[in-house]
Amino acid sequence: MHHFEEELTCSICYSLFSDPRVLPCSHTFCRNCLEGVLDLSGNFSIWRPLRILLKCPNCRSVVEIPDSGTESLPINFALKHYRQPLNVYCLLDKKMVCGHCLTIGKHNGHPIDDLYSAYLKEKQSSGKILEQLTDKHWADVYLLIEKLKEQKSQCESVIQDDKKVVVLYFKKLSETLENKKQALLSALDEINRQVLEEYDPLIENLKKMREEHTRGNILHAEFSASYAQIRYLFSLTGNLHHFLE
């Protein structure tokens, strides 16, 4: 019972907590007690008014209080019930509760016990649990651990085998796709060869016809020029005969 009283007592005023606030170091004190400690410590520096340092009265750790003061520190108990002492143990929820919670709160109607009796029962219960953990039980635990390790190893082995199957499957699939790609490319190359065989002779013949047509035009032009010269010569010869007569 003395242990529970210590948990509910402020180490500054040695009274039951009133508006208990939790410091960053996890120790709890009455808010008014913390205000008194701050007033005595004189940590309100004019140069850094928003930074409030406090040395915990229990562990002597230097903690920083929010700039809004102790009002911003978290409350240890329910906000509505902070003035109610936790002097009853709820057997259903296995936690200390106040009278307010038992009468109109969420613990209303739950089976309860006084703190000391609950402490003894919990202590006996934990002792029975430790007694049940004999060497045989620990041996069973070790066997279970080994069995779990074996099952884990088997699962990992199956996973590795499945990974190999997946890798092999996609390797074969990749080879199949590569073969199909090469086959399609070869087929397209063959079609391209046939197209060349079909169109190249036609194109060459048309080129030759165009060249022959060009040569014909040149010969025609040369023949026309020669014919004109011959006619001119004949006309000169006729004029000469006429002159001689």
C-alpha atoms as a PDB file:
ATOM      1  CA  MET A   1       0.000   0.000   0.000  1.00  0.00           C
ATOM      2  CA  HIS A   2       2.877   2.317   0.769  1.00  0.00           C
ATOM      3  CA  HIS A   3       4.141   1.816  -2.795  1.00  0.00           C
ATOM      4  CA  PHE A   4       0.844   2.986  -4.283  1.00  0.00           C
ATOM      5  CA  GLU A   5       0.714   5.992  -1.963  1.00  0.00           C
ATOM      6  CA  GLU A   6       4.130   7.046  -3.215  1.00  0.00           C
ATOM      7  CA  GLU A   7       2.903   6.862  -6.807  1.00  0.00           C
ATOM      8  CA  LEU A   8      -0.002   9.187  -5.955  1.00  0.00           C
ATOM      9  CA  THR A   9       2.069  11.651  -3.892  1.00  0.00           C
ATOM     10  CA  CYS A  10       3.866  14.742  -5.178  1.00  0.00           C
ATOM     11  CA  SER A  11       7.513  14.666  -4.125  1.00  0.00           C
ATOM     12  CA  ILE A  12       7.521  18.456  -3.653  1.00  0.00           C
ATOM     13  CA  CYS A  13       4.500  19.043  -1.386  1.00  0.00           C
ATOM     14  CA  TYR A  14       4.189  15.413  -0.158  1.00  0.00           C
ATOM     15  CA  SER A  15       0.436  15.517  -0.748  1.00  0.00           C
ATOM     16  CA  LEU A  16      -1.832  13.727  -3.201  1.00  0.00           C
ATOM     17  CA  PHE A  17      -1.437  15.157  -6.667  1.00  0.00           C
ATOM     18  CA  SER A  18      -3.447  18.243  -7.512  1.00  0.00           C
ATOM     19  CA  ASP A  19      -3.538  19.041 -11.229  1.00  0.00           C
ATOM     20  CA  PRO A  20      -0.589  16.683 -11.856  1.00  0.00           C
ATOM     21  CA  ARG A  21       1.660  17.617 -14.789  1.00  0.00           C
ATOM     22  CA  VAL A  22       4.285  15.402 -16.428  1.00  0.00           C
ATOM     23  CA  LEU A  23       7.738  16.778 -17.222  1.00  0.00           C
ATOM     24  CA  PRO A  24       9.665  15.666 -20.339  1.00  0.00           C
ATOM     25  CA  CYS A  25      11.750  13.417 -18.056  1.00  0.00           C
ATOM     26  CA  SER A  26       8.488  11.533 -17.185  1.00  0.00           C
ATOM     27  CA  HIS A  27       8.302  12.673 -13.529  1.00  0.00           C
ATOM     28  CA  THR A  28       4.987  14.067 -12.272  1.00  0.00           C
ATOM     29  CA  PHE A  29       4.374  17.036  -9.947  1.00  0.00           C
ATOM     30  CA  CYS A  30       1.518  19.303  -8.960  1.00  0.00           C
ATOM     31  CA  ARG A  31       1.227  22.223 -11.324  1.00  0.00           C
ATOM     32  CA  ASN A  32       1.344  24.747  -8.471  1.00  0.00           C
ATOM     33  CA  CYS A  33       4.485  23.072  -7.129  1.00  0.00           C
ATOM     34  CA  LEU A  34       6.154  23.406 -10.524  1.00  0.00           C
ATOM     35  CA  GLU A  35       5.116  27.055 -10.689  1.00  0.00           C
ATOM     36  CA  GLY A  36       6.774  27.587  -7.311  1.00  0.00           C
ATOM     37  CA  VAL A  37       9.969  25.893  -8.458  1.00  0.00           C
ATOM     38  CA  LEU A  38      10.037  28.092 -11.564  1.00  0.00           C
ATOM     39  CA  ASP A  39       9.514  31.239  -9.512  1.00  0.00           C
ATOM     40  CA  LEU A  40      12.404  30.309  -7.204  1.00  0.00           C
ATOM     41  CA  SER A  41      14.767  29.257  -9.988  1.00  0.00           C
ATOM     42  CA  GLY A  42      14.611  32.611 -11.771  1.00  0.00           C
ATOM     43  CA  ASN A  43      14.982  31.043 -15.211  1.00  0.00           C
ATOM     44  CA  PHE A  44      12.916  33.690 -16.946  1.00  0.00           C
ATOM     45  CA  SER A  45      15.783  35.313 -18.838  1.00  0.00           C
ATOM     46  CA  ILE A  46      15.071  38.704 -20.376  1.00  0.00           C
ATOM     47  CA  TRP A  47      17.216  37.715 -23.336  1.00  0.00           C
ATOM     48  CA  ARG A  48      15.405  34.467 -24.075  1.00  0.00           C
ATOM     49  CA  PRO A  49      11.911  34.874 -22.581  1.00  0.00           C
ATOM     50  CA  LEU A  50      10.433  32.041 -24.652  1.00  0.00           C
ATOM     51  CA  ARG A  51      12.851  29.393 -23.361  1.00  0.00           C
ATOM     52  CA  ILE A  52      12.107  28.171 -19.833  1.00  0.00           C
ATOM     53  CA  LEU A  53      14.535  25.717 -18.249  1.00  0.00           C
ATOM     54  CA  LEU A  54      13.743  23.683 -15.147  1.00  0.00           C
ATOM     55  CA  LYS A  55      15.787  21.192 -13.141  1.00  0.00           C
ATOM     56  CA  CYS A  56      13.628  18.199 -12.205  1.00  0.00           C
ATOM     57  CA  PRO A  57      13.423  17.904  -8.374  1.00  0.00           C
ATOM     58  CA  ASN A  58      13.631  14.105  -8.684  1.00  0.00           C
ATOM     59  CA  CYS A  59      16.266  13.210 -11.288  1.00  0.00           C
ATOM     60  CA  ARG A  60      17.932  16.673 -11.481  1.00  0.00           C
ATOM     61  CA  SER A  61      17.678  16.575 -15.279  1.00  0.00           C
ATOM     62  CA  VAL A  62      17.402  19.969 -16.940  1.00  0.00           C
ATOM     63  CA  VAL A  63      14.223  20.007 -19.015  1.00  0.00           C
ATOM     64  CA  GLU A  64      12.674  22.695 -21.174  1.00  0.00           C
ATOM     65  CA  ILE A  65       9.163  23.915 -20.372  1.00  0.00           C
ATOM     66  CA  PRO A  66       6.932  25.040 -23.275  1.00  0.00           C
ATOM     67  CA  ASP A  67       6.913  28.786 -23.809  1.00  0.00           C
ATOM     68  CA  SER A  68       3.293  28.964 -22.574  1.00  0.00           C
ATOM     69  CA  GLY A  69       4.384  27.622 -19.163  1.00  0.00           C
ATOM     70  CA  THR A  70       3.253  24.671 -17.074  1.00  0.00           C
ATOM     71  CA  GLU A  71      -0.271  24.929 -18.489  1.00  0.00           C
ATOM     72  CA  SER A  72       1.025  23.258 -21.668  1.00  0.00           C
ATOM     73  CA  LEU A  73       2.548  20.293 -19.836  1.00  0.00           C
ATOM     74  CA  PRO A  74       0.575  17.047 -20.271  1.00  0.00           C
ATOM     75  CA  ILE A  75      -1.786  16.069 -17.468  1.00  0.00           C
ATOM     76  CA  ASN A  76      -1.070  12.726 -15.847  1.00  0.00           C
ATOM     77  CA  PHE A  77      -4.718  11.853 -15.110  1.00  0.00           C
ATOM     78  CA  ALA A  78      -7.970  12.449 -16.910  1.00  0.00           C
ATOM     79  CA  LEU A  79      -8.565  16.190 -17.239  1.00  0.00           C
ATOM     80  CA  LYS A  80     -12.010  16.103 -15.650  1.00  0.00           C
ATOM     81  CA  HIS A  81     -10.945  13.943 -12.717  1.00  0.00           C
ATOM     82  CA  TYR A  82      -7.570  15.313 -11.785  1.00  0.00           C
ATOM     83  CA  ARG A  83      -8.794  16.275  -8.298  1.00  0.00           C
ATOM     84  CA  GLN A  84     -10.066  12.740  -7.642  1.00  0.00           C
ATOM     85  CA  PRO A  85      -7.490  10.392  -6.037  1.00  0.00           C
ATOM     86  CA  LEU A  86      -6.908   7.024  -7.704  1.00  0.00           C
ATOM     87  CA  ASN A  87      -7.766   4.925  -4.665  1.00  0.00           C
ATOM     88  CA  VAL A  88      -9.687   1.978  -6.190  1.00  0.00           C
ATOM     89  CA  TYR A  89      -8.575  -0.841  -8.487  1.00  0.00           C
ATOM     90  CA  CYS A  90     -10.886  -1.886 -11.359  1.00  0.00           C
ATOM     91  CA  LEU A  91     -10.662  -5.681 -11.679  1.00  0.00           C
ATOM     92  CA  LEU A  92     -12.198  -5.689 -15.171  1.00  0.00           C
ATOM     93  CA  ASP A  93      -9.856  -3.142 -16.775  1.00  0.00           C
ATOM     94  CA  LYS A  94      -6.964  -3.884 -14.387  1.00  0.00           C
ATOM     95  CA  LYS A  95      -6.160  -0.255 -13.620  1.00  0.00           C
ATOM     96  CA  MET A  96      -6.457   2.269 -10.778  1.00  0.00           C
ATOM     97  CA  VAL A  97      -9.523   4.496 -10.989  1.00  0.00           C
ATOM     98  CA  CYS A  98     -11.125   7.308  -9.009  1.00  0.00           C
ATOM     99  CA  GLY A  99     -14.536   7.471  -7.335  1.00  0.00           C
ATOM    100  CA  HIS A 100     -15.899   9.653 -10.134  1.00  0.00           C
ATOM    101  CA  CYS A 101     -15.160   6.955 -12.734  1.00  0.00           C
ATOM    102  CA  LEU A 102     -16.855   4.304 -10.564  1.00  0.00           C
ATOM    103  CA  THR A 103     -20.075   6.244  -9.962  1.00  0.00           C
ATOM    104  CA  ILE A 104     -20.845   7.962 -13.277  1.00  0.00           C
ATOM    105  CA  GLY A 105     -17.785   7.255 -15.422  1.00  0.00           C
ATOM    106  CA  LYS A 106     -16.871   4.471 -17.837  1.00  0.00           C
ATOM    107  CA  HIS A 107     -15.981   2.103 -14.954  1.00  0.00           C
ATOM    108  CA  ASN A 108     -19.486   2.263 -13.475  1.00  0.00           C
ATOM    109  CA  GLY A 109     -20.678  -1.221 -12.467  1.00  0.00           C
ATOM    110  CA  HIS A 110     -17.267  -2.864 -12.852  1.00  0.00           C
ATOM    111  CA  PRO A 111     -15.971  -5.193 -10.128  1.00  0.00           C
ATOM    112  CA  ILE A 112     -13.493  -3.369  -7.878  1.00  0.00           C
ATOM    113  CA  ASP A 113     -11.051  -3.972  -5.061  1.00  0.00           C
ATOM    114  CA  ASP A 114      -8.966  -1.831  -2.752  1.00  0.00           C
ATOM    115  CA  LEU A 115      -5.447  -1.060  -3.900  1.00  0.00           C
ATOM    116  CA  TYR A 116      -3.618  -3.160  -1.323  1.00  0.00           C
ATOM    117  CA  SER A 117      -5.732  -6.286  -1.911  1.00  0.00           C
ATOM    118  CA  ALA A 118      -5.383  -5.842  -5.657  1.00  0.00           C
ATOM    119  CA  TYR A 119      -1.627  -5.458  -5.240  1.00  0.00           C
ATOM    120  CA  LEU A 120      -1.386  -8.715  -3.260  1.00  0.00           C
ATOM    121  CA  LYS A 121      -3.527 -10.600  -5.762  1.00  0.00           C
ATOM    122  CA  GLU A 122      -1.527  -9.349  -8.731  1.00  0.00           C
ATOM    123  CA  LYS A 123       1.696 -10.212  -6.935  1.00  0.00           C
ATOM    124  CA  GLN A 124       0.459 -13.737  -6.192  1.00  0.00           C
ATOM    125  CA  SER A 125      -0.747 -14.133  -9.784  1.00  0.00           C
ATOM    126  CA  SER A 126       2.619 -13.119 -11.204  1.00  0.00           C
ATOM    127  CA  GLY A 127       4.327 -15.480  -8.746  1.00  0.00           C
ATOM    128  CA  LYS A 128       2.168 -18.374  -9.910  1.00  0.00           C
ATOM    129  CA  ILE A 129       3.025 -17.608 -13.504  1.00  0.00           C
ATOM    130  CA  LEU A 130       6.738 -17.669 -12.669  1.00  0.00           C
ATOM    131  CA  GLU A 131       6.312 -20.964 -10.818  1.00  0.00           C
ATOM    132  CA  GLN A 132       4.638 -22.494 -13.860  1.00  0.00           C
ATOM    133  CA  LEU A 133       7.650 -21.644 -15.971  1.00  0.00           C
ATOM    134  CA  THR A 134       9.611 -24.739 -14.878  1.00  0.00           C
ATOM    135  CA  ASP A 135      12.551 -26.249 -16.689  1.00  0.00           C
ATOM    136  CA  LYS A 136      10.152 -28.465 -18.634  1.00  0.00           C
ATOM    137  CA  HIS A 137       8.213 -25.451 -19.848  1.00  0.00           C
ATOM    138  CA  TRP A 138      11.431 -23.703 -20.851  1.00  0.00           C
ATOM    139  CA  ALA A 139      12.500 -26.870 -22.677  1.00  0.00           C
ATOM    140  CA  ASP A 140       9.192 -26.776 -24.536  1.00  0.00           C
ATOM    141  CA  VAL A 141       9.828 -23.146 -25.369  1.00  0.00           C
ATOM    142  CA  TYR A 142      13.275 -23.973 -26.762  1.00  0.00           C
ATOM    143  CA  LEU A 143      11.786 -26.825 -28.803  1.00  0.00           C
ATOM    144  CA  LEU A 144       9.169 -24.456 -30.142  1.00  0.00           C
ATOM    145  CA  ILE A 145      11.870 -21.944 -31.060  1.00  0.00           C
ATOM    146  CA  GLU A 146      13.814 -24.626 -32.939  1.00  0.00           C
ATOM    147  CA  LYS A 147      10.646 -25.759 -34.689  1.00  0.00           C
ATOM    148  CA  LEU A 148       9.863 -22.207 -35.730  1.00  0.00           C
ATOM    149  CA  LYS A 149      13.419 -21.765 -37.010  1.00  0.00           C
ATOM    150  CA  GLU A 150      13.072 -24.983 -39.010  1.00  0.00           C
ATOM    151  CA  GLN A 151       9.766 -23.841 -40.490  1.00  0.00           C
ATOM    152  CA  LYS A 152      11.302 -20.473 -41.295  1.00  0.00           C
ATOM    153  CA  SER A 153      14.211 -22.196 -43.063  1.00  0.00           C
ATOM    154  CA  GLN A 154      11.790 -24.370 -45.034  1.00  0.00           C
ATOM    155  CA  CYS A 155       9.780 -21.333 -46.091  1.00  0.00           C
ATOM    156  CA  GLU A 156      12.934 -19.520 -47.174  1.00  0.00           C
ATOM    157  CA  SER A 157      14.027 -22.607 -49.150  1.00  0.00           C
ATOM    158  CA  VAL A 158      10.652 -22.773 -50.913  1.00  0.00           C
ATOM    159  CA  ILE A 159      10.864 -19.071 -51.725  1.00  0.00           C
ATOM    160  CA  GLN A 160      14.370 -19.469 -53.178  1.00  0.00           C
ATOM    161  CA  ASP A 161      13.204 -22.424 -55.302  1.00  0.00           C
ATOM    162  CA  ASP A 162      10.251 -20.394 -56.552  1.00  0.00           C
ATOM    163  CA  LYS A 163      12.581 -17.518 -57.417  1.00  0.00           C
ATOM    164  CA  LYS A 164      14.728 -19.901 -59.468  1.00  0.00           C
ATOM    165  CA  VAL A 165      11.622 -21.162 -61.278  1.00  0.00           C
ATOM    166  CA  VAL A 166      10.587 -17.583 -62.055  1.00  0.00           C
ATOM    167  CA  VAL A 167      14.064 -16.691 -63.343  1.00  0.00           C
ATOM    168  CA  LEU A 168      14.200 -19.831 -65.516  1.00  0.00           C
ATOM    169  CA  TYR A 169      10.688 -19.211 -66.862  1.00  0.00           C
ATOM    170  CA  PHE A 170      11.459 -15.663 -67.934  1.00  0.00           C
ATOM    171  CA  LYS A 171      14.817 -16.749 -69.355  1.00  0.00           C
ATOM    172  CA  LYS A 172      13.067 -19.302 -71.581  1.00  0.00           C
ATOM    173  CA  LEU A 173      10.393 -16.755 -72.409  1.00  0.00           C
ATOM    174  CA  SER A 174      13.098 -14.264 -73.378  1.00  0.00           C
ATOM    175  CA  GLU A 175      14.780 -16.862 -75.609  1.00  0.00           C
ATOM    176  CA  THR A 176      11.442 -17.719 -77.237  1.00  0.00           C
ATOM    177  CA  LEU A 177      10.706 -14.051 -77.878  1.00  0.00           C
ATOM    178  CA  GLU A 178      14.199 -13.553 -79.309  1.00  0.00           C
ATOM    179  CA  ASN A 179      13.731 -16.517 -81.671  1.00  0.00           C
ATOM    180  CA  LYS A 180      10.347 -15.190 -82.794  1.00  0.00           C
ATOM    181  CA  LYS A 181      11.874 -11.759 -83.333  1.00  0.00           C
ATOM    182  CA  GLN A 182      14.649 -13.167 -85.486  1.00  0.00           C
ATOM    183  CA  ALA A 183      12.142 -15.277 -87.458  1.00  0.00           C
ATOM    184  CA  LEU A 184       9.970 -12.235 -88.137  1.00  0.00           C
ATOM    185  CA  LEU A 185      12.990 -10.166 -89.165  1.00  0.00           C
ATOM    186  CA  SER A 186      14.132 -12.935 -91.520  1.00  0.00           C
ATOM    187  CA  ALA A 187      10.651 -13.127 -93.050  1.00  0.00           C
ATOM    188  CA  LEU A 188      10.632  -9.373 -93.574  1.00  0.00           C
ATOM    189  CA  ASP A 189      14.098  -9.537 -95.153  1.00  0.00           C
ATOM    190  CA  GLU A 190      12.819 -12.193 -97.580  1.00  0.00           C
ATOM    191  CA  ILE A 191       9.812 -10.066 -98.478  1.00  0.00           C
ATOM    192  CA  ASN A 192      12.123  -7.115 -99.033  1.00  0.00           C
ATOM    193  CA  ARG A 193      14.302  -9.240-101.354  1.00  0.00           C
ATOM    194  CA  GLN A 194      11.243 -10.224-103.378  1.00  0.00           C
ATOM    195  CA  VAL A 195      10.187  -6.589-103.636  1.00  0.00           C
ATOM    196  CA  LEU A 196      13.634  -5.664-104.935  1.00  0.00           C
ATOM    197  CA  GLU A 197      13.556  -8.499-107.470  1.00  0.00           C
ATOM    198  CA  GLU A 198      10.142  -7.349-108.659  1.00  0.00           C
ATOM    199  CA  TYR A 199      10.739  -3.624-108.911  1.00  0.00           C
ATOM    200  CA  ASP A 200      14.449  -3.255-109.717  1.00  0.00           C
ATOM    201  CA  PRO A 201      14.193  -4.764-113.283  1.00  0.00           C
ATOM    202  CA  LEU A 202      11.209  -2.531-114.077  1.00  0.00           C
ATOM    203  CA  ILE A 203      13.070   0.520-112.865  1.00  0.00           C
ATOM    204  CA  GLU A 204      16.190  -0.444-114.871  1.00  0.00           C
ATOM    205  CA  ASN A 205      14.134  -1.012-118.039  1.00  0.00           C
ATOM    206  CA  LEU A 206      12.477   2.364-117.674  1.00  0.00           C
ATOM    207  CA  LYS A 207      15.891   3.978-117.194  1.00  0.00           C
ATOM    208  CA  LYS A 208      17.166   2.307-120.389  1.00  0.00           C
ATOM    209  CA  MET A 209      14.078   3.419-122.308  1.00  0.00           C
ATOM    210  CA  ARG A 210      14.628   6.955-121.113  1.00  0.00           C
ATOM    211  CA  GLU A 211      18.293   6.821-122.157  1.00  0.00           C
ATOM    212  CA  GLU A 212      17.391   5.398-125.584  1.00  0.00           C
ATOM    213  CA  HIS A 213      14.748   8.065-126.009  1.00  0.00           C
ATOM    214  CA  THR A 214      17.311  10.703-125.185  1.00  0.00           C
ATOM    215  CA  ARG A 215      19.804   9.254-127.691  1.00  0.00           C
ATOM    216  CA  GLY A 216      17.025   9.097-130.320  1.00  0.00           C
ATOM    217  CA  ASN A 217      16.275  12.752-129.823  1.00  0.00           C
ATOM    218  CA  ILE A 218      19.952  13.564-130.202  1.00  0.00           C
ATOM    219  CA  LEU A 219      20.248  11.499-133.429  1.00  0.00           C
ATOM    220  CA  HIS A 220      17.102  13.099-134.790  1.00  0.00           C
ATOM    221  CA  ALA A 221      18.491  16.526-134.096  1.00  0.00           C
ATOM    222  CA  GLU A 222      21.811  15.615-135.767  1.00  0.00           C
ATOM    223  CA  PHE A 223      19.998  14.109-138.758  1.00  0.00           C
ATOM    224  CA  SER A 224      17.851  17.195-139.114  1.00  0.00           C
ATOM    225  CA  ALA A 225      20.935  19.389-139.085  1.00  0.00           C
ATOM    226  CA  SER A 226      22.688  17.231-141.695  1.00  0.00           C
ATOM    227  CA  TYR A 227      19.606  17.169-143.891  1.00  0.00           C
ATOM    228  CA  ALA A 228      19.412  20.933-143.801  1.00  0.00           C
ATOM    229  CA  GLN A 229      23.052  21.195-144.847  1.00  0.00           C
ATOM    230  CA  ILE A 230      22.489  18.738-147.707  1.00  0.00           C
ATOM    231  CA  ARG A 231      19.490  20.695-148.973  1.00  0.00           C
ATOM    232  CA  TYR A 232      21.561  23.853-148.808  1.00  0.00           C
ATOM    233  CA  LEU A 233      24.315  22.216-150.835  1.00  0.00           C
ATOM    234  CA  PHE A 234      21.783  20.986-153.412  1.00  0.00           C
ATOM    235  CA  SER A 235      20.389  24.469-153.711  1.00  0.00           C
ATOM    236  CA  LEU A 236      23.871  25.861-154.326  1.00  0.00           C
ATOM    237  CA  THR A 237      24.555  23.224-156.980  1.00  0.00           C
ATOM    238  CA  GLY A 238      21.301  24.058-158.791  1.00  0.00           C
ATOM    239  CA  ASN A 239      22.132  27.726-158.826  1.00  0.00           C
ATOM    240  CA  LEU A 240      25.607  26.972-160.213  1.00  0.00           C
ATOM    241  CA  HIS A 241      24.217  24.890-163.118  1.00  0.00           C
ATOM    242  CA  HIS A 242      21.748  27.611-163.936  1.00  0.00           C
ATOM    243  CA  PHE A 243      24.524  30.206-163.978  1.00  0.00           C
ATOM    244  CA  LEU A 244      26.729  28.117-166.261  1.00  0.00           C
ATOM    245  CA  GLU A 245      23.973  27.669-168.821  1.00  0.00           C
END
